[in-house]
Amino acid sequence: MNDKVIIGRLGAARGLNGELKIVPLTDFENRFDNLTEVEVDGKILKINYVKYVGNNLVVNFENINNREEAQKLTGKLLKVDKKNAAPLAEGEFYTFDLIGMQVFDTDDNKIGKITNVL
């Protein structure tokens, strides 16, 4: 069972001190506020800071101190534990929670199961 949620993808390195742009993959614009760690390629990375530079979201990780180290992370996905996913309003669902669910018609006849949401 996958217990992680993808919240973003790391973009290009920015500057010389290990900063990377973040491409958010979330509907929650404040998702990165107060974030202290994320999983990248199965490893937990501690976050020094996340800030906005113009329209870009930028992150700096602990122990990533130069452009060359940062460039190795470009294109990698940022993940957090599902338990830390942003809360939803009543009647709202995450797509990842719907995948695999059984589908029934109004007469309770099984139609199939959800395999993808477009």
PDB file of N, CA and C in Angstrom:
ATOM      1  N   MET A   1       0.846  -1.188   0.000  1.00  0.00           N
ATOM      2  CA  MET A   1       0.000   0.000   0.000  1.00  0.00           C
ATOM      3  C   MET A   1       0.884   1.242   0.000  1.00  0.00           C
ATOM      4  N   ASN A   2       0.553   2.213  -0.841  1.00  0.00           N
ATOM      5  CA  ASN A   2       1.324   3.441  -0.931  1.00  0.00           C
ATOM      6  C   ASN A   2       0.839   4.406   0.142  1.00  0.00           C
ATOM      7  N   ASP A   3       1.713   4.763   1.052  1.00  0.00           N
ATOM      8  CA  ASP A   3       1.336   5.655   2.145  1.00  0.00           C
ATOM      9  C   ASP A   3       1.881   7.055   1.963  1.00  0.00           C
ATOM     10  N   LYS A   4       2.240   7.416   0.730  1.00  0.00           N
ATOM     11  CA  LYS A   4       2.796   8.729   0.417  1.00  0.00           C
ATOM     12  C   LYS A   4       1.914   9.470  -0.580  1.00  0.00           C
ATOM     13  N   VAL A   5       1.974  10.801  -0.506  1.00  0.00           N
ATOM     14  CA  VAL A   5       1.238  11.667  -1.408  1.00  0.00           C
ATOM     15  C   VAL A   5       2.252  12.570  -2.116  1.00  0.00           C
ATOM     16  N   ILE A   6       2.164  12.650  -3.426  1.00  0.00           N
ATOM     17  CA  ILE A   6       3.035  13.536  -4.198  1.00  0.00           C
ATOM     18  C   ILE A   6       2.480  14.956  -4.100  1.00  0.00           C
ATOM     19  N   ILE A   7       3.336  15.891  -3.693  1.00  0.00           N
ATOM     20  CA  ILE A   7       2.897  17.280  -3.566  1.00  0.00           C
ATOM     21  C   ILE A   7       3.628  18.222  -4.518  1.00  0.00           C
ATOM     22  N   GLY A   8       4.693  17.732  -5.152  1.00  0.00           N
ATOM     23  CA  GLY A   8       5.431  18.601  -6.052  1.00  0.00           C
ATOM     24  C   GLY A   8       6.561  17.871  -6.754  1.00  0.00           C
ATOM     25  N   ARG A   9       7.177  18.587  -7.677  1.00  0.00           N
ATOM     26  CA  ARG A   9       8.341  18.075  -8.398  1.00  0.00           C
ATOM     27  C   ARG A   9       9.418  19.144  -8.312  1.00  0.00           C
ATOM     28  N   LEU A  10      10.643  18.704  -8.129  1.00  0.00           N
ATOM     29  CA  LEU A  10      11.754  19.646  -8.061  1.00  0.00           C
ATOM     30  C   LEU A  10      12.143  20.087  -9.459  1.00  0.00           C
ATOM     31  N   GLY A  11      12.256  21.389  -9.621  1.00  0.00           N
ATOM     32  CA  GLY A  11      12.629  21.960 -10.907  1.00  0.00           C
ATOM     33  C   GLY A  11      14.120  22.256 -10.952  1.00  0.00           C
ATOM     34  N   ALA A  12      14.462  23.261 -11.684  1.00  0.00           N
ATOM     35  CA  ALA A  12      15.864  23.619 -11.902  1.00  0.00           C
ATOM     36  C   ALA A  12      16.516  24.166 -10.634  1.00  0.00           C
ATOM     37  N   ALA A  13      17.819  23.973 -10.556  1.00  0.00           N
ATOM     38  CA  ALA A  13      18.598  24.590  -9.482  1.00  0.00           C
ATOM     39  C   ALA A  13      18.544  26.094  -9.664  1.00  0.00           C
ATOM     40  N   ARG A  14      18.591  26.813  -8.547  1.00  0.00           N
ATOM     41  CA  ARG A  14      18.544  28.272  -8.577  1.00  0.00           C
ATOM     42  C   ARG A  14      19.718  28.812  -7.771  1.00  0.00           C
ATOM     43  N   GLY A  15      20.545  29.583  -8.388  1.00  0.00           N
ATOM     44  CA  GLY A  15      21.676  30.163  -7.685  1.00  0.00           C
ATOM     45  C   GLY A  15      22.775  29.139  -7.431  1.00  0.00           C
ATOM     46  N   LEU A  16      23.674  29.478  -6.515  1.00  0.00           N
ATOM     47  CA  LEU A  16      24.847  28.642  -6.261  1.00  0.00           C
ATOM     48  C   LEU A  16      24.814  27.911  -4.931  1.00  0.00           C
ATOM     49  N   ASN A  17      23.819  28.201  -4.075  1.00  0.00           N
ATOM     50  CA  ASN A  17      23.848  27.635  -2.723  1.00  0.00           C
ATOM     51  C   ASN A  17      22.872  26.487  -2.474  1.00  0.00           C
ATOM     52  N   GLY A  18      22.477  25.770  -3.521  1.00  0.00           N
ATOM     53  CA  GLY A  18      21.679  24.564  -3.338  1.00  0.00           C
ATOM     54  C   GLY A  18      20.182  24.747  -3.401  1.00  0.00           C
ATOM     55  N   GLU A  19      19.709  25.916  -3.791  1.00  0.00           N
ATOM     56  CA  GLU A  19      18.263  26.116  -3.906  1.00  0.00           C
ATOM     57  C   GLU A  19      17.732  25.449  -5.175  1.00  0.00           C
ATOM     58  N   LEU A  20      16.474  25.014  -5.073  1.00  0.00           N
ATOM     59  CA  LEU A  20      15.776  24.413  -6.217  1.00  0.00           C
ATOM     60  C   LEU A  20      14.389  25.014  -6.325  1.00  0.00           C
ATOM     61  N   LYS A  21      13.921  25.177  -7.558  1.00  0.00           N
ATOM     62  CA  LYS A  21      12.539  25.581  -7.763  1.00  0.00           C
ATOM     63  C   LYS A  21      11.644  24.373  -7.502  1.00  0.00           C
ATOM     64  N   ILE A  22      10.425  24.647  -7.055  1.00  0.00           N
ATOM     65  CA  ILE A  22       9.418  23.603  -6.843  1.00  0.00           C
ATOM     66  C   ILE A  22       8.290  23.823  -7.848  1.00  0.00           C
ATOM     67  N   VAL A  23       7.884  22.760  -8.516  1.00  0.00           N
ATOM     68  CA  VAL A  23       6.686  22.769  -9.345  1.00  0.00           C
ATOM     69  C   VAL A  23       5.596  22.123  -8.493  1.00  0.00           C
ATOM     70  N   PRO A  24       4.681  22.917  -7.928  1.00  0.00           N
ATOM     71  CA  PRO A  24       3.642  22.339  -7.063  1.00  0.00           C
ATOM     72  C   PRO A  24       2.720  21.413  -7.851  1.00  0.00           C
ATOM     73  N   LEU A  25       2.406  20.268  -7.269  1.00  0.00           N
ATOM     74  CA  LEU A  25       1.454  19.320  -7.856  1.00  0.00           C
ATOM     75  C   LEU A  25       0.335  19.094  -6.849  1.00  0.00           C
ATOM     76  N   THR A  26      -0.208  20.168  -6.364  1.00  0.00           N
ATOM     77  CA  THR A  26      -1.239  20.148  -5.346  1.00  0.00           C
ATOM     78  C   THR A  26      -2.217  21.287  -5.597  1.00  0.00           C
ATOM     79  N   ASP A  27      -3.434  21.120  -5.153  1.00  0.00           N
ATOM     80  CA  ASP A  27      -4.437  22.180  -5.262  1.00  0.00           C
ATOM     81  C   ASP A  27      -4.384  23.126  -4.072  1.00  0.00           C
ATOM     82  N   PHE A  28      -3.543  22.819  -3.099  1.00  0.00           N
ATOM     83  CA  PHE A  28      -3.478  23.598  -1.867  1.00  0.00           C
ATOM     84  C   PHE A  28      -2.269  24.534  -1.924  1.00  0.00           C
ATOM     85  N   GLU A  29      -2.526  25.810  -2.223  1.00  0.00           N
ATOM     86  CA  GLU A  29      -1.445  26.760  -2.471  1.00  0.00           C
ATOM     87  C   GLU A  29      -0.547  26.977  -1.257  1.00  0.00           C
ATOM     88  N   ASN A  30      -1.032  26.770  -0.068  1.00  0.00           N
ATOM     89  CA  ASN A  30      -0.220  26.956   1.137  1.00  0.00           C
ATOM     90  C   ASN A  30       0.418  25.657   1.615  1.00  0.00           C
ATOM     91  N   ARG A  31       0.390  24.639   0.801  1.00  0.00           N
ATOM     92  CA  ARG A  31       0.884  23.315   1.187  1.00  0.00           C
ATOM     93  C   ARG A  31       2.324  23.333   1.675  1.00  0.00           C
ATOM     94  N   PHE A  32       3.120  24.226   1.155  1.00  0.00           N
ATOM     95  CA  PHE A  32       4.547  24.232   1.465  1.00  0.00           C
ATOM     96  C   PHE A  32       4.895  25.120   2.658  1.00  0.00           C
ATOM     97  N   ASP A  33       3.900  25.865   3.153  1.00  0.00           N
ATOM     98  CA  ASP A  33       4.127  26.679   4.347  1.00  0.00           C
ATOM     99  C   ASP A  33       4.369  25.756   5.540  1.00  0.00           C
ATOM    100  N   ASN A  34       5.376  26.036   6.306  1.00  0.00           N
ATOM    101  CA  ASN A  34       5.701  25.292   7.531  1.00  0.00           C
ATOM    102  C   ASN A  34       6.077  23.837   7.295  1.00  0.00           C
ATOM    103  N   LEU A  35       6.401  23.461   6.073  1.00  0.00           N
ATOM    104  CA  LEU A  35       6.843  22.101   5.771  1.00  0.00           C
ATOM    105  C   LEU A  35       8.277  21.926   6.274  1.00  0.00           C
ATOM    106  N   THR A  36       8.531  20.856   7.006  1.00  0.00           N
ATOM    107  CA  THR A  36       9.861  20.663   7.603  1.00  0.00           C
ATOM    108  C   THR A  36      10.661  19.553   6.950  1.00  0.00           C
ATOM    109  N   GLU A  37       9.971  18.610   6.287  1.00  0.00           N
ATOM    110  CA  GLU A  37      10.672  17.529   5.611  1.00  0.00           C
ATOM    111  C   GLU A  37       9.793  16.931   4.539  1.00  0.00           C
ATOM    112  N   VAL A  38      10.440  16.326   3.545  1.00  0.00           N
ATOM    113  CA  VAL A  38       9.749  15.627   2.470  1.00  0.00           C
ATOM    114  C   VAL A  38      10.550  14.380   2.124  1.00  0.00           C
ATOM    115  N   GLU A  39       9.900  13.456   1.432  1.00  0.00           N
ATOM    116  CA  GLU A  39      10.602  12.290   0.920  1.00  0.00           C
ATOM    117  C   GLU A  39      10.929  12.534  -0.548  1.00  0.00           C
ATOM    118  N   VAL A  40      12.175  12.260  -0.919  1.00  0.00           N
ATOM    119  CA  VAL A  40      12.625  12.361  -2.307  1.00  0.00           C
ATOM    120  C   VAL A  40      13.410  11.084  -2.601  1.00  0.00           C
ATOM    121  N   ASP A  41      12.941  10.310  -3.575  1.00  0.00           N
ATOM    122  CA  ASP A  41      13.605   9.046  -3.938  1.00  0.00           C
ATOM    123  C   ASP A  41      13.806   8.124  -2.731  1.00  0.00           C
ATOM    124  N   GLY A  42      12.808   8.035  -1.879  1.00  0.00           N
ATOM    125  CA  GLY A  42      12.863   7.129  -0.732  1.00  0.00           C
ATOM    126  C   GLY A  42      13.685   7.638   0.439  1.00  0.00           C
ATOM    127  N   LYS A  43      14.223   8.845   0.348  1.00  0.00           N
ATOM    128  CA  LYS A  43      15.017   9.419   1.430  1.00  0.00           C
ATOM    129  C   LYS A  43      14.306  10.635   1.997  1.00  0.00           C
ATOM    130  N   ILE A  44      14.361  10.799   3.308  1.00  0.00           N
ATOM    131  CA  ILE A  44      13.782  11.969   3.956  1.00  0.00           C
ATOM    132  C   ILE A  44      14.788  13.112   3.884  1.00  0.00           C
ATOM    133  N   LEU A  45      14.347  14.234   3.330  1.00  0.00           N
ATOM    134  CA  LEU A  45      15.184  15.426   3.256  1.00  0.00           C
ATOM    135  C   LEU A  45      14.595  16.486   4.181  1.00  0.00           C
ATOM    136  N   LYS A  46      15.421  17.020   5.057  1.00  0.00           N
ATOM    137  CA  LYS A  46      15.028  18.103   5.963  1.00  0.00           C
ATOM    138  C   LYS A  46      15.064  19.411   5.185  1.00  0.00           C
ATOM    139  N   ILE A  47      14.073  20.242   5.412  1.00  0.00           N
ATOM    140  CA  ILE A  47      13.957  21.511   4.705  1.00  0.00           C
ATOM    141  C   ILE A  47      14.494  22.632   5.584  1.00  0.00           C
ATOM    142  N   ASN A  48      15.432  23.401   5.032  1.00  0.00           N
ATOM    143  CA  ASN A  48      15.904  24.606   5.718  1.00  0.00           C
ATOM    144  C   ASN A  48      14.872  25.722   5.577  1.00  0.00           C
ATOM    145  N   TYR A  49      14.383  25.904   4.352  1.00  0.00           N
ATOM    146  CA  TYR A  49      13.354  26.919   4.116  1.00  0.00           C
ATOM    147  C   TYR A  49      12.688  26.687   2.769  1.00  0.00           C
ATOM    148  N   VAL A  50      11.472  27.217   2.665  1.00  0.00           N
ATOM    149  CA  VAL A  50      10.734  27.321   1.410  1.00  0.00           C
ATOM    150  C   VAL A  50      10.313  28.772   1.324  1.00  0.00           C
ATOM    151  N   LYS A  51      10.531  29.388   0.166  1.00  0.00           N
ATOM    152  CA  LYS A  51      10.175  30.794   0.004  1.00  0.00           C
ATOM    153  C   LYS A  51       9.701  31.050  -1.417  1.00  0.00           C
ATOM    154  N   TYR A  52       9.029  32.181  -1.581  1.00  0.00           N
ATOM    155  CA  TYR A  52       8.625  32.626  -2.912  1.00  0.00           C
ATOM    156  C   TYR A  52       9.641  33.631  -3.414  1.00  0.00           C
ATOM    157  N   VAL A  53      10.089  33.424  -4.631  1.00  0.00           N
ATOM    158  CA  VAL A  53      10.959  34.375  -5.317  1.00  0.00           C
ATOM    159  C   VAL A  53      10.224  34.730  -6.598  1.00  0.00           C
ATOM    160  N   GLY A  54       9.602  35.899  -6.616  1.00  0.00           N
ATOM    161  CA  GLY A  54       8.722  36.247  -7.726  1.00  0.00           C
ATOM    162  C   GLY A  54       7.543  35.286  -7.719  1.00  0.00           C
ATOM    163  N   ASN A  55       7.294  34.643  -8.845  1.00  0.00           N
ATOM    164  CA  ASN A  55       6.217  33.650  -8.944  1.00  0.00           C
ATOM    165  C   ASN A  55       6.704  32.231  -8.686  1.00  0.00           C
ATOM    166  N   ASN A  56       7.979  32.083  -8.364  1.00  0.00           N
ATOM    167  CA  ASN A  56       8.557  30.758  -8.167  1.00  0.00           C
ATOM    168  C   ASN A  56       8.620  30.385  -6.698  1.00  0.00           C
ATOM    169  N   LEU A  57       8.328  29.137  -6.427  1.00  0.00           N
ATOM    170  CA  LEU A  57       8.489  28.561  -5.104  1.00  0.00           C
ATOM    171  C   LEU A  57       9.868  27.922  -5.068  1.00  0.00           C
ATOM    172  N   VAL A  58      10.660  28.238  -4.048  1.00  0.00           N
ATOM    173  CA  VAL A  58      12.048  27.789  -3.968  1.00  0.00           C
ATOM    174  C   VAL A  58      12.269  27.077  -2.645  1.00  0.00           C
ATOM    175  N   VAL A  59      13.031  25.981  -2.677  1.00  0.00           N
ATOM    176  CA  VAL A  59      13.335  25.213  -1.468  1.00  0.00           C
ATOM    177  C   VAL A  59      14.849  25.090  -1.306  1.00  0.00           C
ATOM    178  N   ASN A  60      15.259  24.992  -0.046  1.00  0.00           N
ATOM    179  CA  ASN A  60      16.656  24.701   0.277  1.00  0.00           C
ATOM    180  C   ASN A  60      16.640  23.580   1.310  1.00  0.00           C
ATOM    181  N   PHE A  61      17.366  22.503   1.012  1.00  0.00           N
ATOM    182  CA  PHE A  61      17.423  21.340   1.896  1.00  0.00           C
ATOM    183  C   PHE A  61      18.702  21.342   2.723  1.00  0.00           C
ATOM    184  N   GLU A  62      18.588  20.773   3.891  1.00  0.00           N
ATOM    185  CA  GLU A  62      19.763  20.546   4.731  1.00  0.00           C
ATOM    186  C   GLU A  62      20.732  19.634   3.972  1.00  0.00           C
ATOM    187  N   ASN A  63      22.018  19.930   4.018  1.00  0.00           N
ATOM    188  CA  ASN A  63      23.087  19.146   3.384  1.00  0.00           C
ATOM    189  C   ASN A  63      23.103  19.212   1.856  1.00  0.00           C
ATOM    190  N   ILE A  64      22.313  20.085   1.265  1.00  0.00           N
ATOM    191  CA  ILE A  64      22.407  20.363  -0.177  1.00  0.00           C
ATOM    192  C   ILE A  64      22.902  21.805  -0.253  1.00  0.00           C
ATOM    193  N   ASN A  65      24.210  21.960  -0.435  1.00  0.00           N
ATOM    194  CA  ASN A  65      24.833  23.259  -0.232  1.00  0.00           C
ATOM    195  C   ASN A  65      25.357  23.945  -1.486  1.00  0.00           C
ATOM    196  N   ASN A  66      25.241  23.277  -2.645  1.00  0.00           N
ATOM    197  CA  ASN A  66      25.743  23.916  -3.857  1.00  0.00           C
ATOM    198  C   ASN A  66      24.895  23.516  -5.060  1.00  0.00           C
ATOM    199  N   ARG A  67      25.102  24.197  -6.138  1.00  0.00           N
ATOM    200  CA  ARG A  67      24.316  23.998  -7.355  1.00  0.00           C
ATOM    201  C   ARG A  67      24.441  22.570  -7.897  1.00  0.00           C
ATOM    202  N   GLU A  68      25.630  22.018  -7.842  1.00  0.00           N
ATOM    203  CA  GLU A  68      25.849  20.673  -8.387  1.00  0.00           C
ATOM    204  C   GLU A  68      25.042  19.623  -7.616  1.00  0.00           C
ATOM    205  N   GLU A  69      25.013  19.731  -6.297  1.00  0.00           N
ATOM    206  CA  GLU A  69      24.213  18.796  -5.494  1.00  0.00           C
ATOM    207  C   GLU A  69      22.728  18.984  -5.776  1.00  0.00           C
ATOM    208  N   ALA A  70      22.309  20.227  -5.919  1.00  0.00           N
ATOM    209  CA  ALA A  70      20.905  20.525  -6.187  1.00  0.00           C
ATOM    210  C   ALA A  70      20.474  19.975  -7.546  1.00  0.00           C
ATOM    211  N   GLN A  71      21.324  20.120  -8.554  1.00  0.00           N
ATOM    212  CA  GLN A  71      20.970  19.665  -9.901  1.00  0.00           C
ATOM    213  C   GLN A  71      20.684  18.163  -9.951  1.00  0.00           C
ATOM    214  N   LYS A  72      21.283  17.384  -9.072  1.00  0.00           N
ATOM    215  CA  LYS A  72      21.034  15.941  -9.033  1.00  0.00           C
ATOM    216  C   LYS A  72      19.591  15.626  -8.641  1.00  0.00           C
ATOM    217  N   LEU A  73      18.911  16.592  -8.015  1.00  0.00           N
ATOM    218  CA  LEU A  73      17.532  16.387  -7.565  1.00  0.00           C
ATOM    219  C   LEU A  73      16.491  16.888  -8.562  1.00  0.00           C
ATOM    220  N   THR A  74      16.917  17.592  -9.595  1.00  0.00           N
ATOM    221  CA  THR A  74      15.984  18.132 -10.575  1.00  0.00           C
ATOM    222  C   THR A  74      15.137  17.015 -11.178  1.00  0.00           C
ATOM    223  N   GLY A  75      13.832  17.248 -11.199  1.00  0.00           N
ATOM    224  CA  GLY A  75      12.891  16.277 -11.762  1.00  0.00           C
ATOM    225  C   GLY A  75      12.361  15.268 -10.764  1.00  0.00           C
ATOM    226  N   LYS A  76      12.915  15.219  -9.568  1.00  0.00           N
ATOM    227  CA  LYS A  76      12.482  14.256  -8.547  1.00  0.00           C
ATOM    228  C   LYS A  76      11.168  14.723  -7.915  1.00  0.00           C
ATOM    229  N   LEU A  77      10.366  13.769  -7.462  1.00  0.00           N
ATOM    230  CA  LEU A  77       9.076  14.066  -6.841  1.00  0.00           C
ATOM    231  C   LEU A  77       9.222  14.301  -5.341  1.00  0.00           C
ATOM    232  N   LEU A  78       8.442  15.250  -4.834  1.00  0.00           N
ATOM    233  CA  LEU A  78       8.357  15.525  -3.400  1.00  0.00           C
ATOM    234  C   LEU A  78       7.141  14.797  -2.848  1.00  0.00           C
ATOM    235  N   LYS A  79       7.337  14.023  -1.798  1.00  0.00           N
ATOM    236  CA  LYS A  79       6.241  13.251  -1.212  1.00  0.00           C
ATOM    237  C   LYS A  79       6.163  13.503   0.288  1.00  0.00           C
ATOM    238  N   VAL A  80       4.942  13.378   0.818  1.00  0.00           N
ATOM    239  CA  VAL A  80       4.714  13.433   2.257  1.00  0.00           C
ATOM    240  C   VAL A  80       3.833  12.247   2.635  1.00  0.00           C
ATOM    241  N   ASP A  81       3.801  11.919   3.921  1.00  0.00           N
ATOM    242  CA  ASP A  81       2.922  10.856   4.403  1.00  0.00           C
ATOM    243  C   ASP A  81       1.463  11.224   4.151  1.00  0.00           C
ATOM    244  N   LYS A  82       0.644  10.240   3.789  1.00  0.00           N
ATOM    245  CA  LYS A  82      -0.784  10.486   3.590  1.00  0.00           C
ATOM    246  C   LYS A  82      -1.413  11.115   4.819  1.00  0.00           C
ATOM    247  N   LYS A  83      -0.943  10.712   5.986  1.00  0.00           N
ATOM    248  CA  LYS A  83      -1.525  11.259   7.221  1.00  0.00           C
ATOM    249  C   LYS A  83      -1.294  12.766   7.332  1.00  0.00           C
ATOM    250  N   ASN A  84      -0.343  13.294   6.560  1.00  0.00           N
ATOM    251  CA  ASN A  84      -0.061  14.729   6.555  1.00  0.00           C
ATOM    252  C   ASN A  84      -0.679  15.445   5.360  1.00  0.00           C
ATOM    253  N   ALA A  85      -1.547  14.756   4.639  1.00  0.00           N
ATOM    254  CA  ALA A  85      -2.225  15.385   3.504  1.00  0.00           C
ATOM    255  C   ALA A  85      -3.135  16.491   4.023  1.00  0.00           C
ATOM    256  N   ALA A  86      -3.332  17.506   3.213  1.00  0.00           N
ATOM    257  CA  ALA A  86      -4.200  18.620   3.598  1.00  0.00           C
ATOM    258  C   ALA A  86      -5.617  18.104   3.812  1.00  0.00           C
ATOM    259  N   PRO A  87      -6.288  18.601   4.842  1.00  0.00           N
ATOM    260  CA  PRO A  87      -7.659  18.145   5.121  1.00  0.00           C
ATOM    261  C   PRO A  87      -8.629  18.591   4.031  1.00  0.00           C
ATOM    262  N   LEU A  88      -9.634  17.770   3.802  1.00  0.00           N
ATOM    263  CA  LEU A  88     -10.658  18.067   2.805  1.00  0.00           C
ATOM    264  C   LEU A  88     -11.980  18.379   3.486  1.00  0.00           C
ATOM    265  N   ALA A  89     -12.835  19.079   2.777  1.00  0.00           N
ATOM    266  CA  ALA A  89     -14.178  19.352   3.277  1.00  0.00           C
ATOM    267  C   ALA A  89     -15.022  18.078   3.185  1.00  0.00           C
ATOM    268  N   GLU A  90     -16.105  18.056   3.925  1.00  0.00           N
ATOM    269  CA  GLU A  90     -17.007  16.906   3.895  1.00  0.00           C
ATOM    270  C   GLU A  90     -17.501  16.667   2.470  1.00  0.00           C
ATOM    271  N   GLY A  91     -17.464  15.413   2.033  1.00  0.00           N
ATOM    272  CA  GLY A  91     -17.908  15.053   0.696  1.00  0.00           C
ATOM    273  C   GLY A  91     -16.826  15.174  -0.372  1.00  0.00           C
ATOM    274  N   GLU A  92     -15.633  15.644  -0.004  1.00  0.00           N
ATOM    275  CA  GLU A  92     -14.515  15.717  -0.941  1.00  0.00           C
ATOM    276  C   GLU A  92     -13.598  14.527  -0.715  1.00  0.00           C
ATOM    277  N   PHE A  93     -12.936  14.091  -1.801  1.00  0.00           N
ATOM    278  CA  PHE A  93     -12.069  12.928  -1.726  1.00  0.00           C
ATOM    279  C   PHE A  93     -10.812  13.178  -2.536  1.00  0.00           C
ATOM    280  N   TYR A  94      -9.719  12.605  -2.097  1.00  0.00           N
ATOM    281  CA  TYR A  94      -8.507  12.605  -2.903  1.00  0.00           C
ATOM    282  C   TYR A  94      -8.646  11.544  -3.978  1.00  0.00           C
ATOM    283  N   THR A  95      -8.101  11.811  -5.160  1.00  0.00           N
ATOM    284  CA  THR A  95      -8.127  10.848  -6.257  1.00  0.00           C
ATOM    285  C   THR A  95      -7.497   9.531  -5.831  1.00  0.00           C
ATOM    286  N   PHE A  96      -6.372   9.592  -5.093  1.00  0.00           N
ATOM    287  CA  PHE A  96      -5.697   8.354  -4.696  1.00  0.00           C
ATOM    288  C   PHE A  96      -6.548   7.507  -3.760  1.00  0.00           C
ATOM    289  N   ASP A  97      -7.515   8.102  -3.074  1.00  0.00           N
ATOM    290  CA  ASP A  97      -8.411   7.320  -2.227  1.00  0.00           C
ATOM    291  C   ASP A  97      -9.514   6.645  -3.041  1.00  0.00           C
ATOM    292  N   LEU A  98      -9.798   7.164  -4.228  1.00  0.00           N
ATOM    293  CA  LEU A  98     -10.852   6.594  -5.063  1.00  0.00           C
ATOM    294  C   LEU A  98     -10.364   5.401  -5.888  1.00  0.00           C
ATOM    295  N   ILE A  99      -9.105   5.428  -6.283  1.00  0.00           N
ATOM    296  CA  ILE A  99      -8.557   4.344  -7.107  1.00  0.00           C
ATOM    297  C   ILE A  99      -8.681   3.024  -6.361  1.00  0.00           C
ATOM    298  N   GLY A 100      -9.266   2.036  -7.042  1.00  0.00           N
ATOM    299  CA  GLY A 100      -9.443   0.710  -6.447  1.00  0.00           C
ATOM    300  C   GLY A 100     -10.807   0.496  -5.812  1.00  0.00           C
ATOM    301  N   MET A 101     -11.597   1.556  -5.667  1.00  0.00           N
ATOM    302  CA  MET A 101     -12.927   1.406  -5.062  1.00  0.00           C
ATOM    303  C   MET A 101     -13.895   0.738  -6.036  1.00  0.00           C
ATOM    304  N   GLN A 102     -14.811  -0.037  -5.492  1.00  0.00           N
ATOM    305  CA  GLN A 102     -15.849  -0.689  -6.285  1.00  0.00           C
ATOM    306  C   GLN A 102     -16.924   0.328  -6.664  1.00  0.00           C
ATOM    307  N   VAL A 103     -17.516   0.159  -7.853  1.00  0.00           N
ATOM    308  CA  VAL A 103     -18.556   1.060  -8.346  1.00  0.00           C
ATOM    309  C   VAL A 103     -19.836   0.259  -8.555  1.00  0.00           C
ATOM    310  N   PHE A 104     -20.934   0.806  -8.048  1.00  0.00           N
ATOM    311  CA  PHE A 104     -22.234   0.153  -8.146  1.00  0.00           C
ATOM    312  C   PHE A 104     -23.236   1.114  -8.767  1.00  0.00           C
ATOM    313  N   ASP A 105     -24.222   0.557  -9.482  1.00  0.00           N
ATOM    314  CA  ASP A 105     -25.277   1.406 -10.023  1.00  0.00           C
ATOM    315  C   ASP A 105     -26.327   1.645  -8.940  1.00  0.00           C
ATOM    316  N   THR A 106     -27.390   2.370  -9.290  1.00  0.00           N
ATOM    317  CA  THR A 106     -28.409   2.723  -8.293  1.00  0.00           C
ATOM    318  C   THR A 106     -29.211   1.519  -7.805  1.00  0.00           C
ATOM    319  N   ASP A 107     -29.130   0.387  -8.532  1.00  0.00           N
ATOM    320  CA  ASP A 107     -29.798  -0.843  -8.095  1.00  0.00           C
ATOM    321  C   ASP A 107     -28.843  -1.764  -7.351  1.00  0.00           C
ATOM    322  N   ASP A 108     -27.675  -1.259  -6.993  1.00  0.00           N
ATOM    323  CA  ASP A 108     -26.656  -1.984  -6.228  1.00  0.00           C
ATOM    324  C   ASP A 108     -26.012  -3.125  -7.022  1.00  0.00           C
ATOM    325  N   ASN A 109     -26.029  -3.010  -8.360  1.00  0.00           N
ATOM    326  CA  ASN A 109     -25.326  -3.964  -9.213  1.00  0.00           C
ATOM    327  C   ASN A 109     -23.889  -3.482  -9.394  1.00  0.00           C
ATOM    328  N   LYS A 110     -22.954  -4.387  -9.209  1.00  0.00           N
ATOM    329  CA  LYS A 110     -21.548  -4.021  -9.357  1.00  0.00           C
ATOM    330  C   LYS A 110     -21.229  -3.748 -10.815  1.00  0.00           C
ATOM    331  N   ILE A 111     -20.637  -2.577 -11.056  1.00  0.00           N
ATOM    332  CA  ILE A 111     -20.252  -2.172 -12.419  1.00  0.00           C
ATOM    333  C   ILE A 111     -18.785  -2.463 -12.652  1.00  0.00           C
ATOM    334  N   GLY A 112     -17.985  -2.262 -11.664  1.00  0.00           N
ATOM    335  CA  GLY A 112     -16.529  -2.471 -11.795  1.00  0.00           C
ATOM    336  C   GLY A 112     -15.805  -1.750 -10.688  1.00  0.00           C
ATOM    337  N   LYS A 113     -14.551  -1.397 -10.962  1.00  0.00           N
ATOM    338  CA  LYS A 113     -13.802  -0.637  -9.968  1.00  0.00           C
ATOM    339  C   LYS A 113     -13.061   0.511 -10.652  1.00  0.00           C
ATOM    340  N   ILE A 114     -12.767   1.529  -9.883  1.00  0.00           N
ATOM    341  CA  ILE A 114     -12.089   2.711 -10.401  1.00  0.00           C
ATOM    342  C   ILE A 114     -10.603   2.391 -10.583  1.00  0.00           C
ATOM    343  N   THR A 115     -10.128   2.587 -11.797  1.00  0.00           N
ATOM    344  CA  THR A 115      -8.719   2.325 -12.088  1.00  0.00           C
ATOM    345  C   THR A 115      -7.935   3.593 -12.399  1.00  0.00           C
ATOM    346  N   ASN A 116      -8.670   4.678 -12.766  1.00  0.00           N
ATOM    347  CA  ASN A 116      -7.999   5.916 -13.103  1.00  0.00           C
ATOM    348  C   ASN A 116      -9.028   7.042 -13.049  1.00  0.00           C
ATOM    349  N   VAL A 117      -8.547   8.252 -12.824  1.00  0.00           N
ATOM    350  CA  VAL A 117      -9.415   9.426 -12.867  1.00  0.00           C
ATOM    351  C   VAL A 117      -8.759  10.412 -13.817  1.00  0.00           C
ATOM    352  N   LEU A 118      -9.502  10.839 -14.823  1.00  0.00           N
ATOM    353  CA  LEU A 118      -8.969  11.775 -15.819  1.00  0.00           C
ATOM    354  C   LEU A 118      -9.529  13.161 -15.560  1.00  0.00           C
TER     355      LEU A 118
END
